[in-house]
Amino acid sequence: MDRTERFHLIDQLLTNQRVVSRAQFLDALEVSPATFKRDLEYLRDRLMAPIVWDRERRGYRYQQDAGAEQFQLPGLWFNTSEIQALLSMDALLANLQPGVLSNHIEPLRSRIRMLLDEGDHSADEIARRIRIIPHSAKAYRSEYFQDLCQALLSRKRVDLTYYSRPTDSSSERCVSPQRLIYYRDNWYLDAWCHLRQGLRSFSIDAIKALSITPDAAAREIDEAVLNRELESGYGIFSGAATHQALLRFSPETARWVSRETWHPDQTGEYDVDGFYLLRVPYSQDPELVMDILKYGAQVEVLEPAALRARVSQRVAAMAALYAC
């Protein structure tokens, strides 16, 4: 745990147990005696925490003067994940296009900033020092997004014109919306496609026209089925995972990749030569191929043969493009 979490735990132990031994602190905090000493010094000297050593009871306690209020840590102390969550929400709200929630966005952002201001540092200082930068976010027409939300929540089918980038063609679809997914700074729709008679994920920015079918109720798909079919594979090109990719990263690149999460069910280990072997489940491979290619010669596809061939073809095409 980080120092902020340790401060909270120290305060909680002293408040709940009244007297806490040094051994109890070290066991709960899982830190060295030197780190615990520094934490106490910071609490006493910087935060004015009245922590004293009780010789008779052989433990630490808060010193409370008669009639004095119980000591409280000043403000809110956010840990790393909490700051990231608040800043991510603020960044997401800041990048929303004008729509049905426009009148509610600014009050919500103000509340987030108030929460940050209640911490040890101001919201302006945090925003200046810590930034969440969207990556490859796609633009989309907000009126479609609003209608889609309406159909999704009212459980109605929608007719849409969907553009397929791989085939450079459009098709007319009738779908039953199931849920909206925000993935890699872009919005996607999980839906039952009545044309294909199966679950599909649609990129919102590729919807060219959309209308709600008011008299047709959306088909309901059990959440467990949605999770199995659309979350078990790799990325947004998911489906029931039917393949296992085995990737071999160079020792240098392994320093980064070994700490990355490509998939919740991935496994990884080092071989005797220091290469990192990453095994990732997937169904369709377009996104996986893109992620593999960005590592260039620092990664090799070992399995399956079809994925290895797909990457090899892409590499050959790239080499031909730059051939003199």
C-alpha atoms as a PDB file:
ATOM      1  CA  MET A   1       0.000   0.000   0.000  1.00  0.00           C
ATOM      2  CA  ASP A   2       1.129   3.585  -0.577  1.00  0.00           C
ATOM      3  CA  ARG A   3       1.806   6.153   2.151  1.00  0.00           C
ATOM      4  CA  THR A   4      -1.651   7.712   1.946  1.00  0.00           C
ATOM      5  CA  GLU A   5      -3.266   4.338   2.605  1.00  0.00           C
ATOM      6  CA  ARG A   6      -0.850   3.746   5.506  1.00  0.00           C
ATOM      7  CA  PHE A   7      -1.855   7.081   7.082  1.00  0.00           C
ATOM      8  CA  HIS A   8      -5.516   6.082   6.886  1.00  0.00           C
ATOM      9  CA  LEU A   9      -4.791   2.683   8.417  1.00  0.00           C
ATOM     10  CA  ILE A  10      -2.725   4.177  11.254  1.00  0.00           C
ATOM     11  CA  ASP A  11      -5.541   6.617  12.026  1.00  0.00           C
ATOM     12  CA  GLN A  12      -8.146   3.844  11.833  1.00  0.00           C
ATOM     13  CA  LEU A  13      -6.214   1.558  14.194  1.00  0.00           C
ATOM     14  CA  LEU A  14      -5.660   4.317  16.749  1.00  0.00           C
ATOM     15  CA  THR A  15      -9.319   5.360  16.575  1.00  0.00           C
ATOM     16  CA  ASN A  16     -10.763   1.864  16.854  1.00  0.00           C
ATOM     17  CA  GLN A  17      -8.324   0.183  19.252  1.00  0.00           C
ATOM     18  CA  ARG A  18      -7.304   3.228  21.312  1.00  0.00           C
ATOM     19  CA  VAL A  19      -3.880   1.719  22.049  1.00  0.00           C
ATOM     20  CA  VAL A  20      -1.874  -0.050  19.350  1.00  0.00           C
ATOM     21  CA  SER A  21       1.453  -1.793  19.873  1.00  0.00           C
ATOM     22  CA  ARG A  22       4.411  -1.310  17.561  1.00  0.00           C
ATOM     23  CA  ALA A  23       4.199  -4.968  16.507  1.00  0.00           C
ATOM     24  CA  GLN A  24       0.516  -4.581  15.586  1.00  0.00           C
ATOM     25  CA  PHE A  25       1.332  -1.567  13.409  1.00  0.00           C
ATOM     26  CA  LEU A  26       4.187  -3.322  11.618  1.00  0.00           C
ATOM     27  CA  ASP A  27       2.044  -6.383  10.985  1.00  0.00           C
ATOM     28  CA  ALA A  28      -0.907  -4.362   9.638  1.00  0.00           C
ATOM     29  CA  LEU A  29       1.157  -1.930   7.565  1.00  0.00           C
ATOM     30  CA  GLU A  30       3.635  -4.523   6.245  1.00  0.00           C
ATOM     31  CA  VAL A  31       6.519  -2.023   6.350  1.00  0.00           C
ATOM     32  CA  SER A  32       9.939  -1.855   7.967  1.00  0.00           C
ATOM     33  CA  PRO A  33      10.431  -0.224  11.402  1.00  0.00           C
ATOM     34  CA  ALA A  34      12.274   2.644   9.685  1.00  0.00           C
ATOM     35  CA  THR A  35       9.333   3.331   7.337  1.00  0.00           C
ATOM     36  CA  PHE A  36       6.890   3.184  10.233  1.00  0.00           C
ATOM     37  CA  LYS A  37       9.046   5.683  12.154  1.00  0.00           C
ATOM     38  CA  ARG A  38       9.044   8.083   9.191  1.00  0.00           C
ATOM     39  CA  ASP A  39       5.268   7.783   8.873  1.00  0.00           C
ATOM     40  CA  LEU A  40       4.798   8.647  12.544  1.00  0.00           C
ATOM     41  CA  GLU A  41       7.133  11.623  12.265  1.00  0.00           C
ATOM     42  CA  TYR A  42       5.235  12.944   9.245  1.00  0.00           C
ATOM     43  CA  LEU A  43       1.874  12.518  10.989  1.00  0.00           C
ATOM     44  CA  ARG A  44       3.125  14.292  14.115  1.00  0.00           C
ATOM     45  CA  ASP A  45       5.193  17.083  12.524  1.00  0.00           C
ATOM     46  CA  ARG A  46       3.270  17.863   9.339  1.00  0.00           C
ATOM     47  CA  LEU A  47      -0.313  16.854  10.126  1.00  0.00           C
ATOM     48  CA  MET A  48      -0.190  17.652  13.855  1.00  0.00           C
ATOM     49  CA  ALA A  49      -1.476  14.221  14.833  1.00  0.00           C
ATOM     50  CA  PRO A  50      -1.304  13.921  18.671  1.00  0.00           C
ATOM     51  CA  ILE A  51       0.208  10.426  18.650  1.00  0.00           C
ATOM     52  CA  VAL A  52       2.048   9.546  21.868  1.00  0.00           C
ATOM     53  CA  TRP A  53       3.729   6.482  23.323  1.00  0.00           C
ATOM     54  CA  ASP A  54       1.942   5.097  26.384  1.00  0.00           C
ATOM     55  CA  ARG A  55       4.629   3.512  28.576  1.00  0.00           C
ATOM     56  CA  GLU A  56       2.202   1.768  30.907  1.00  0.00           C
ATOM     57  CA  ARG A  57       0.119   0.174  28.167  1.00  0.00           C
ATOM     58  CA  ARG A  58       3.101  -0.404  25.839  1.00  0.00           C
ATOM     59  CA  GLY A  59       1.509   1.092  22.767  1.00  0.00           C
ATOM     60  CA  TYR A  60       0.703   4.201  20.756  1.00  0.00           C
ATOM     61  CA  ARG A  61      -2.462   6.233  21.253  1.00  0.00           C
ATOM     62  CA  TYR A  62      -4.015   9.586  20.495  1.00  0.00           C
ATOM     63  CA  GLN A  63      -3.533  12.102  23.298  1.00  0.00           C
ATOM     64  CA  GLN A  64      -6.897  13.707  23.914  1.00  0.00           C
ATOM     65  CA  ASP A  65      -7.245  16.777  26.115  1.00  0.00           C
ATOM     66  CA  ALA A  66     -10.439  17.104  28.102  1.00  0.00           C
ATOM     67  CA  GLY A  67     -13.192  18.622  25.979  1.00  0.00           C
ATOM     68  CA  ALA A  68     -11.051  18.567  22.816  1.00  0.00           C
ATOM     69  CA  GLU A  69     -12.444  17.227  19.546  1.00  0.00           C
ATOM     70  CA  GLN A  70     -11.264  13.900  18.204  1.00  0.00           C
ATOM     71  CA  PHE A  71      -8.289  14.328  15.834  1.00  0.00           C
ATOM     72  CA  GLN A  72      -9.080  13.805  12.158  1.00  0.00           C
ATOM     73  CA  LEU A  73      -6.788  13.627   9.159  1.00  0.00           C
ATOM     74  CA  PRO A  74      -7.101  16.900   7.234  1.00  0.00           C
ATOM     75  CA  GLY A  75      -9.192  16.645   4.080  1.00  0.00           C
ATOM     76  CA  LEU A  76      -9.365  13.618   1.826  1.00  0.00           C
ATOM     77  CA  TRP A  77      -6.234  11.701   0.926  1.00  0.00           C
ATOM     78  CA  PHE A  78      -6.602   9.992  -2.411  1.00  0.00           C
ATOM     79  CA  ASN A  79      -4.552   6.977  -3.347  1.00  0.00           C
ATOM     80  CA  THR A  80      -3.232   6.461  -6.873  1.00  0.00           C
ATOM     81  CA  SER A  81      -6.208   4.506  -8.200  1.00  0.00           C
ATOM     82  CA  GLU A  82      -8.718   6.993  -6.759  1.00  0.00           C
ATOM     83  CA  ILE A  83      -6.952   9.973  -8.363  1.00  0.00           C
ATOM     84  CA  GLN A  84      -6.800   8.091 -11.677  1.00  0.00           C
ATOM     85  CA  ALA A  85     -10.506   7.267 -11.480  1.00  0.00           C
ATOM     86  CA  LEU A  86     -11.528  10.876 -10.758  1.00  0.00           C
ATOM     87  CA  LEU A  87      -9.265  12.302 -13.457  1.00  0.00           C
ATOM     88  CA  SER A  88     -10.429   9.681 -15.954  1.00  0.00           C
ATOM     89  CA  MET A  89     -14.063  10.593 -15.268  1.00  0.00           C
ATOM     90  CA  ASP A  90     -13.250  14.277 -15.663  1.00  0.00           C
ATOM     91  CA  ALA A  91     -11.376  13.654 -18.930  1.00  0.00           C
ATOM     92  CA  LEU A  92     -14.212  11.501 -20.280  1.00  0.00           C
ATOM     93  CA  LEU A  93     -16.812  14.141 -19.433  1.00  0.00           C
ATOM     94  CA  ALA A  94     -14.660  16.929 -20.881  1.00  0.00           C
ATOM     95  CA  ASN A  95     -14.444  15.134 -24.230  1.00  0.00           C
ATOM     96  CA  LEU A  96     -18.130  14.304 -24.588  1.00  0.00           C
ATOM     97  CA  GLN A  97     -19.751  16.005 -27.524  1.00  0.00           C
ATOM     98  CA  PRO A  98     -22.856  18.172 -26.954  1.00  0.00           C
ATOM     99  CA  GLY A  99     -25.847  15.959 -26.351  1.00  0.00           C
ATOM    100  CA  VAL A 100     -28.725  15.025 -24.109  1.00  0.00           C
ATOM    101  CA  LEU A 101     -26.550  15.228 -20.975  1.00  0.00           C
ATOM    102  CA  SER A 102     -25.010  18.621 -21.752  1.00  0.00           C
ATOM    103  CA  ASN A 103     -26.914  20.462 -19.017  1.00  0.00           C
ATOM    104  CA  HIS A 104     -25.785  17.936 -16.429  1.00  0.00           C
ATOM    105  CA  ILE A 105     -22.126  17.596 -17.394  1.00  0.00           C
ATOM    106  CA  GLU A 106     -20.713  20.772 -15.886  1.00  0.00           C
ATOM    107  CA  PRO A 107     -22.337  20.273 -12.448  1.00  0.00           C
ATOM    108  CA  LEU A 108     -20.980  16.737 -12.445  1.00  0.00           C
ATOM    109  CA  ARG A 109     -17.487  17.943 -13.384  1.00  0.00           C
ATOM    110  CA  SER A 110     -17.738  20.601 -10.684  1.00  0.00           C
ATOM    111  CA  ARG A 111     -18.530  17.899  -8.133  1.00  0.00           C
ATOM    112  CA  ILE A 112     -15.493  15.886  -9.233  1.00  0.00           C
ATOM    113  CA  ARG A 113     -13.293  18.976  -8.876  1.00  0.00           C
ATOM    114  CA  MET A 114     -14.758  19.634  -5.436  1.00  0.00           C
ATOM    115  CA  LEU A 115     -13.792  16.111  -4.397  1.00  0.00           C
ATOM    116  CA  LEU A 116     -10.258  16.696  -5.629  1.00  0.00           C
ATOM    117  CA  ASP A 117     -10.127  20.081  -3.874  1.00  0.00           C
ATOM    118  CA  GLU A 118     -10.990  18.408  -0.585  1.00  0.00           C
ATOM    119  CA  GLY A 119      -7.785  16.423  -0.820  1.00  0.00           C
ATOM    120  CA  ASP A 120      -4.287  17.432   0.164  1.00  0.00           C
ATOM    121  CA  HIS A 121      -3.760  19.294  -3.143  1.00  0.00           C
ATOM    122  CA  SER A 122      -6.049  21.519  -5.177  1.00  0.00           C
ATOM    123  CA  ALA A 123      -7.868  20.269  -8.260  1.00  0.00           C
ATOM    124  CA  ASP A 124      -5.971  22.812 -10.384  1.00  0.00           C
ATOM    125  CA  GLU A 125      -2.630  21.574  -9.095  1.00  0.00           C
ATOM    126  CA  ILE A 126      -3.572  17.923  -9.675  1.00  0.00           C
ATOM    127  CA  ALA A 127      -4.867  18.676 -13.194  1.00  0.00           C
ATOM    128  CA  ARG A 128      -1.684  20.599 -13.980  1.00  0.00           C
ATOM    129  CA  ARG A 129       0.593  17.841 -12.745  1.00  0.00           C
ATOM    130  CA  ILE A 130      -1.401  14.723 -13.709  1.00  0.00           C
ATOM    131  CA  ARG A 131      -3.121  14.387 -17.073  1.00  0.00           C
ATOM    132  CA  ILE A 132      -5.257  11.745 -18.779  1.00  0.00           C
ATOM    133  CA  ILE A 133      -4.718  11.988 -22.550  1.00  0.00           C
ATOM    134  CA  PRO A 134      -7.255  10.203 -24.808  1.00  0.00           C
ATOM    135  CA  HIS A 135      -5.649   7.958 -27.426  1.00  0.00           C
ATOM    136  CA  SER A 136      -7.007   7.587 -30.979  1.00  0.00           C
ATOM    137  CA  ALA A 137     -10.495   8.718 -30.019  1.00  0.00           C
ATOM    138  CA  LYS A 138     -12.932   8.656 -32.955  1.00  0.00           C
ATOM    139  CA  ALA A 139     -15.472  11.337 -33.709  1.00  0.00           C
ATOM    140  CA  TYR A 140     -19.098  10.346 -34.046  1.00  0.00           C
ATOM    141  CA  ARG A 141     -22.378  12.131 -34.727  1.00  0.00           C
ATOM    142  CA  SER A 142     -23.956  12.817 -31.361  1.00  0.00           C
ATOM    143  CA  GLU A 143     -27.579  12.464 -32.547  1.00  0.00           C
ATOM    144  CA  TYR A 144     -27.006   8.781 -33.271  1.00  0.00           C
ATOM    145  CA  PHE A 145     -25.457   8.259 -29.876  1.00  0.00           C
ATOM    146  CA  GLN A 146     -28.448   9.862 -28.140  1.00  0.00           C
ATOM    147  CA  ASP A 147     -30.970   7.806 -30.095  1.00  0.00           C
ATOM    148  CA  LEU A 148     -28.973   4.686 -29.410  1.00  0.00           C
ATOM    149  CA  CYS A 149     -28.983   5.394 -25.674  1.00  0.00           C
ATOM    150  CA  GLN A 150     -32.736   5.914 -25.797  1.00  0.00           C
ATOM    151  CA  ALA A 151     -33.297   2.616 -27.603  1.00  0.00           C
ATOM    152  CA  LEU A 152     -30.896   0.801 -25.308  1.00  0.00           C
ATOM    153  CA  LEU A 153     -32.601   1.961 -22.102  1.00  0.00           C
ATOM    154  CA  SER A 154     -36.164   1.684 -23.416  1.00  0.00           C
ATOM    155  CA  ARG A 155     -35.345  -1.793 -24.804  1.00  0.00           C
ATOM    156  CA  LYS A 156     -36.305  -1.113 -28.432  1.00  0.00           C
ATOM    157  CA  ARG A 157     -34.811  -2.453 -31.651  1.00  0.00           C
ATOM    158  CA  VAL A 158     -33.026  -0.106 -34.024  1.00  0.00           C
ATOM    159  CA  ASP A 159     -32.540  -0.109 -37.776  1.00  0.00           C
ATOM    160  CA  LEU A 160     -29.150   1.150 -38.796  1.00  0.00           C
ATOM    161  CA  THR A 161     -26.896   1.577 -41.784  1.00  0.00           C
ATOM    162  CA  TYR A 162     -23.480   0.249 -40.860  1.00  0.00           C
ATOM    163  CA  TYR A 163     -20.248   0.913 -42.731  1.00  0.00           C
ATOM    164  CA  SER A 164     -17.682  -1.887 -42.838  1.00  0.00           C
ATOM    165  CA  ARG A 165     -14.148  -0.553 -43.199  1.00  0.00           C
ATOM    166  CA  PRO A 166     -12.566  -3.913 -44.155  1.00  0.00           C
ATOM    167  CA  THR A 167     -14.937  -4.348 -47.120  1.00  0.00           C
ATOM    168  CA  ASP A 168     -15.583  -0.645 -47.820  1.00  0.00           C
ATOM    169  CA  SER A 169     -19.301  -1.350 -47.990  1.00  0.00           C
ATOM    170  CA  SER A 170     -22.477  -0.567 -46.065  1.00  0.00           C
ATOM    171  CA  SER A 171     -25.263  -2.856 -44.948  1.00  0.00           C
ATOM    172  CA  GLU A 172     -28.722  -2.422 -43.456  1.00  0.00           C
ATOM    173  CA  ARG A 173     -29.070  -4.031 -40.027  1.00  0.00           C
ATOM    174  CA  CYS A 174     -31.827  -4.508 -37.498  1.00  0.00           C
ATOM    175  CA  VAL A 175     -30.288  -4.963 -34.063  1.00  0.00           C
ATOM    176  CA  SER A 176     -31.345  -5.363 -30.446  1.00  0.00           C
ATOM    177  CA  PRO A 177     -29.008  -3.154 -28.367  1.00  0.00           C
ATOM    178  CA  GLN A 178     -27.586  -4.862 -25.276  1.00  0.00           C
ATOM    179  CA  ARG A 179     -24.976  -2.485 -23.880  1.00  0.00           C
ATOM    180  CA  LEU A 180     -22.561   0.315 -24.769  1.00  0.00           C
ATOM    181  CA  ILE A 181     -18.831  -0.259 -24.275  1.00  0.00           C
ATOM    182  CA  TYR A 182     -16.163   2.429 -23.883  1.00  0.00           C
ATOM    183  CA  TYR A 183     -12.894   0.833 -24.983  1.00  0.00           C
ATOM    184  CA  ARG A 184      -9.584   2.485 -25.871  1.00  0.00           C
ATOM    185  CA  ASP A 185     -11.236   5.920 -25.885  1.00  0.00           C
ATOM    186  CA  ASN A 186     -13.966   4.872 -28.325  1.00  0.00           C
ATOM    187  CA  TRP A 187     -17.595   3.759 -28.068  1.00  0.00           C
ATOM    188  CA  TYR A 188     -18.929   0.414 -29.261  1.00  0.00           C
ATOM    189  CA  LEU A 189     -22.355  -1.224 -29.208  1.00  0.00           C
ATOM    190  CA  ASP A 190     -22.858  -4.841 -28.213  1.00  0.00           C
ATOM    191  CA  ALA A 191     -26.056  -6.017 -29.903  1.00  0.00           C
ATOM    192  CA  TRP A 192     -27.965  -8.988 -31.244  1.00  0.00           C
ATOM    193  CA  CYS A 193     -27.908  -8.678 -35.040  1.00  0.00           C
ATOM    194  CA  HIS A 194     -31.158  -9.999 -36.516  1.00  0.00           C
ATOM    195  CA  LEU A 195     -29.576 -10.146 -39.989  1.00  0.00           C
ATOM    196  CA  ARG A 196     -26.648 -12.329 -38.899  1.00  0.00           C
ATOM    197  CA  GLN A 197     -28.610 -14.069 -36.129  1.00  0.00           C
ATOM    198  CA  GLY A 198     -25.814 -13.593 -33.639  1.00  0.00           C
ATOM    199  CA  LEU A 199     -24.094 -11.203 -31.247  1.00  0.00           C
ATOM    200  CA  ARG A 200     -21.971  -8.487 -32.815  1.00  0.00           C
ATOM    201  CA  SER A 201     -19.989  -5.424 -31.715  1.00  0.00           C
ATOM    202  CA  PHE A 202     -20.527  -2.245 -33.740  1.00  0.00           C
ATOM    203  CA  SER A 203     -18.273   0.800 -33.737  1.00  0.00           C
ATOM    204  CA  ILE A 204     -20.493   3.815 -33.052  1.00  0.00           C
ATOM    205  CA  ASP A 205     -18.562   6.067 -35.436  1.00  0.00           C
ATOM    206  CA  ALA A 206     -19.298   3.629 -38.312  1.00  0.00           C
ATOM    207  CA  ILE A 207     -23.079   4.018 -37.952  1.00  0.00           C
ATOM    208  CA  LYS A 208     -24.221   6.122 -40.910  1.00  0.00           C
ATOM    209  CA  ALA A 209     -27.956   6.221 -40.154  1.00  0.00           C
ATOM    210  CA  LEU A 210     -30.126   5.041 -37.289  1.00  0.00           C
ATOM    211  CA  SER A 211     -33.811   4.911 -36.425  1.00  0.00           C
ATOM    212  CA  ILE A 212     -35.654   3.408 -33.489  1.00  0.00           C
ATOM    213  CA  THR A 213     -38.314   0.784 -34.177  1.00  0.00           C
ATOM    214  CA  PRO A 214     -40.923   1.853 -31.595  1.00  0.00           C
ATOM    215  CA  ASP A 215     -43.177  -1.212 -31.907  1.00  0.00           C
ATOM    216  CA  ALA A 216     -40.442  -3.838 -31.792  1.00  0.00           C
ATOM    217  CA  ALA A 217     -39.048  -4.843 -28.404  1.00  0.00           C
ATOM    218  CA  ALA A 218     -35.356  -5.618 -28.230  1.00  0.00           C
ATOM    219  CA  ARG A 219     -34.373  -9.230 -27.848  1.00  0.00           C
ATOM    220  CA  GLU A 220     -32.873  -9.836 -24.412  1.00  0.00           C
ATOM    221  CA  ILE A 221     -29.587 -11.717 -24.153  1.00  0.00           C
ATOM    222  CA  ASP A 222     -28.476 -13.111 -20.829  1.00  0.00           C
ATOM    223  CA  GLU A 223     -25.503 -11.213 -19.388  1.00  0.00           C
ATOM    224  CA  ALA A 224     -23.550 -14.434 -18.905  1.00  0.00           C
ATOM    225  CA  VAL A 225     -23.921 -15.133 -22.636  1.00  0.00           C
ATOM    226  CA  LEU A 226     -22.789 -11.602 -23.475  1.00  0.00           C
ATOM    227  CA  ASN A 227     -19.726 -11.982 -21.299  1.00  0.00           C
ATOM    228  CA  ARG A 228     -18.868 -15.381 -22.715  1.00  0.00           C
ATOM    229  CA  GLU A 229     -19.321 -14.393 -26.352  1.00  0.00           C
ATOM    230  CA  LEU A 230     -18.019 -10.822 -26.378  1.00  0.00           C
ATOM    231  CA  GLU A 231     -15.577 -10.459 -23.495  1.00  0.00           C
ATOM    232  CA  SER A 232     -13.634 -13.697 -23.512  1.00  0.00           C
ATOM    233  CA  GLY A 233     -11.781 -12.975 -26.740  1.00  0.00           C
ATOM    234  CA  TYR A 234      -9.097 -10.360 -27.345  1.00  0.00           C
ATOM    235  CA  GLY A 235     -10.151  -6.699 -27.332  1.00  0.00           C
ATOM    236  CA  ILE A 236     -13.163  -5.364 -29.172  1.00  0.00           C
ATOM    237  CA  PHE A 237     -12.729  -8.014 -31.908  1.00  0.00           C
ATOM    238  CA  SER A 238     -13.917 -10.519 -29.365  1.00  0.00           C
ATOM    239  CA  GLY A 239     -16.061 -13.606 -29.326  1.00  0.00           C
ATOM    240  CA  ALA A 240     -15.944 -16.940 -27.600  1.00  0.00           C
ATOM    241  CA  ALA A 241     -12.201 -17.504 -27.303  1.00  0.00           C
ATOM    242  CA  THR A 242     -11.286 -20.343 -29.631  1.00  0.00           C
ATOM    243  CA  HIS A 243      -7.556 -19.736 -30.102  1.00  0.00           C
ATOM    244  CA  GLN A 244      -4.506 -19.244 -27.915  1.00  0.00           C
ATOM    245  CA  ALA A 245      -1.744 -16.960 -29.168  1.00  0.00           C
ATOM    246  CA  LEU A 246       1.763 -17.675 -27.888  1.00  0.00           C
ATOM    247  CA  LEU A 247       4.050 -14.667 -28.294  1.00  0.00           C
ATOM    248  CA  ARG A 248       7.795 -14.534 -27.568  1.00  0.00           C
ATOM    249  CA  PHE A 249       9.157 -11.108 -26.631  1.00  0.00           C
ATOM    250  CA  SER A 250      12.818 -10.131 -26.525  1.00  0.00           C
ATOM    251  CA  PRO A 251      14.430  -9.709 -23.087  1.00  0.00           C
ATOM    252  CA  GLU A 252      14.561  -5.941 -23.613  1.00  0.00           C
ATOM    253  CA  THR A 253      10.895  -5.603 -24.567  1.00  0.00           C
ATOM    254  CA  ALA A 254       9.902  -8.042 -21.824  1.00  0.00           C
ATOM    255  CA  ARG A 255      10.699  -5.349 -19.259  1.00  0.00           C
ATOM    256  CA  TRP A 256       7.545  -3.561 -20.432  1.00  0.00           C
ATOM    257  CA  VAL A 257       5.303  -6.334 -21.740  1.00  0.00           C
ATOM    258  CA  SER A 258       5.629  -8.487 -18.621  1.00  0.00           C
ATOM    259  CA  ARG A 259       3.849  -5.713 -16.698  1.00  0.00           C
ATOM    260  CA  GLU A 260       1.060  -5.198 -19.242  1.00  0.00           C
ATOM    261  CA  THR A 261      -2.408  -6.741 -19.215  1.00  0.00           C
ATOM    262  CA  TRP A 262      -3.452  -7.771 -22.722  1.00  0.00           C
ATOM    263  CA  HIS A 263      -6.289  -9.996 -21.521  1.00  0.00           C
ATOM    264  CA  PRO A 264      -7.713 -10.929 -18.085  1.00  0.00           C
ATOM    265  CA  ASP A 265      -6.975 -14.622 -18.724  1.00  0.00           C
ATOM    266  CA  GLN A 266      -3.458 -14.236 -20.113  1.00  0.00           C
ATOM    267  CA  THR A 267      -0.486 -16.154 -18.730  1.00  0.00           C
ATOM    268  CA  GLY A 268       3.170 -15.265 -18.970  1.00  0.00           C
ATOM    269  CA  GLU A 269       6.569 -16.599 -18.014  1.00  0.00           C
ATOM    270  CA  TYR A 270      10.253 -16.141 -18.810  1.00  0.00           C
ATOM    271  CA  ASP A 271      12.208 -18.845 -20.624  1.00  0.00           C
ATOM    272  CA  VAL A 272      15.792 -19.835 -19.802  1.00  0.00           C
ATOM    273  CA  ASP A 273      17.175 -17.245 -22.232  1.00  0.00           C
ATOM    274  CA  GLY A 274      15.291 -14.322 -20.693  1.00  0.00           C
ATOM    275  CA  PHE A 275      12.610 -14.103 -23.389  1.00  0.00           C
ATOM    276  CA  TYR A 276       9.057 -13.488 -22.193  1.00  0.00           C
ATOM    277  CA  LEU A 277       6.378 -15.942 -23.336  1.00  0.00           C
ATOM    278  CA  LEU A 278       2.892 -14.437 -23.326  1.00  0.00           C
ATOM    279  CA  ARG A 279      -0.175 -16.591 -23.969  1.00  0.00           C
ATOM    280  CA  VAL A 280      -3.359 -14.688 -24.913  1.00  0.00           C
ATOM    281  CA  PRO A 281      -6.830 -16.094 -25.743  1.00  0.00           C
ATOM    282  CA  TYR A 282      -8.597 -14.600 -28.753  1.00  0.00           C
ATOM    283  CA  SER A 283     -11.338 -15.220 -31.274  1.00  0.00           C
ATOM    284  CA  GLN A 284     -10.802 -12.805 -34.168  1.00  0.00           C
ATOM    285  CA  ASP A 285      -7.292 -11.505 -34.740  1.00  0.00           C
ATOM    286  CA  PRO A 286      -7.353  -7.983 -36.332  1.00  0.00           C
ATOM    287  CA  GLU A 287      -6.644  -6.074 -33.127  1.00  0.00           C
ATOM    288  CA  LEU A 288      -4.204  -8.672 -31.873  1.00  0.00           C
ATOM    289  CA  VAL A 289      -2.249  -8.469 -35.136  1.00  0.00           C
ATOM    290  CA  MET A 290      -2.046  -4.676 -34.792  1.00  0.00           C
ATOM    291  CA  ASP A 291      -0.724  -4.937 -31.244  1.00  0.00           C
ATOM    292  CA  ILE A 292       1.854  -7.525 -32.296  1.00  0.00           C
ATOM    293  CA  LEU A 293       3.103  -5.451 -35.221  1.00  0.00           C
ATOM    294  CA  LYS A 294       3.786  -2.401 -33.098  1.00  0.00           C
ATOM    295  CA  TYR A 295       6.617  -4.331 -31.404  1.00  0.00           C
ATOM    296  CA  GLY A 296       8.324  -5.029 -34.714  1.00  0.00           C
ATOM    297  CA  ALA A 297      11.283  -7.411 -34.521  1.00  0.00           C
ATOM    298  CA  GLN A 298      11.022  -7.544 -30.715  1.00  0.00           C
ATOM    299  CA  VAL A 299       8.251 -10.154 -30.823  1.00  0.00           C
ATOM    300  CA  GLU A 300       7.696 -13.470 -32.591  1.00  0.00           C
ATOM    301  CA  VAL A 301       4.413 -15.357 -32.954  1.00  0.00           C
ATOM    302  CA  LEU A 302       5.057 -18.982 -32.005  1.00  0.00           C
ATOM    303  CA  GLU A 303       1.453 -20.247 -32.090  1.00  0.00           C
ATOM    304  CA  PRO A 304      -0.915 -20.785 -33.804  1.00  0.00           C
ATOM    305  CA  ALA A 305       0.355 -21.231 -37.337  1.00  0.00           C
ATOM    306  CA  ALA A 306      -2.525 -19.224 -38.835  1.00  0.00           C
ATOM    307  CA  LEU A 307      -1.728 -16.171 -36.718  1.00  0.00           C
ATOM    308  CA  ARG A 308       1.984 -16.504 -37.475  1.00  0.00           C
ATOM    309  CA  ALA A 309       1.171 -16.610 -41.190  1.00  0.00           C
ATOM    310  CA  ARG A 310      -1.104 -13.564 -40.914  1.00  0.00           C
ATOM    311  CA  VAL A 311       1.602 -11.502 -39.212  1.00  0.00           C
ATOM    312  CA  SER A 312       4.218 -12.770 -41.679  1.00  0.00           C
ATOM    313  CA  GLN A 313       2.051 -11.632 -44.602  1.00  0.00           C
ATOM    314  CA  ARG A 314       1.665  -8.172 -43.099  1.00  0.00           C
ATOM    315  CA  VAL A 315       5.408  -7.911 -42.505  1.00  0.00           C
ATOM    316  CA  ALA A 316       6.155  -8.997 -46.086  1.00  0.00           C
ATOM    317  CA  ALA A 317       3.708  -6.424 -47.426  1.00  0.00           C
ATOM    318  CA  MET A 318       5.379  -3.720 -45.359  1.00  0.00           C
ATOM    319  CA  ALA A 319       8.844  -4.791 -46.560  1.00  0.00           C
ATOM    320  CA  ALA A 320       7.659  -4.698 -50.193  1.00  0.00           C
ATOM    321  CA  LEU A 321       6.316  -1.190 -49.675  1.00  0.00           C
ATOM    322  CA  TYR A 322       9.747   0.063 -48.612  1.00  0.00           C
ATOM    323  CA  ALA A 323      11.842  -2.026 -51.009  1.00  0.00           C
ATOM    324  CA  CYS A 324      14.222   0.043 -53.124  1.00  0.00           C
END
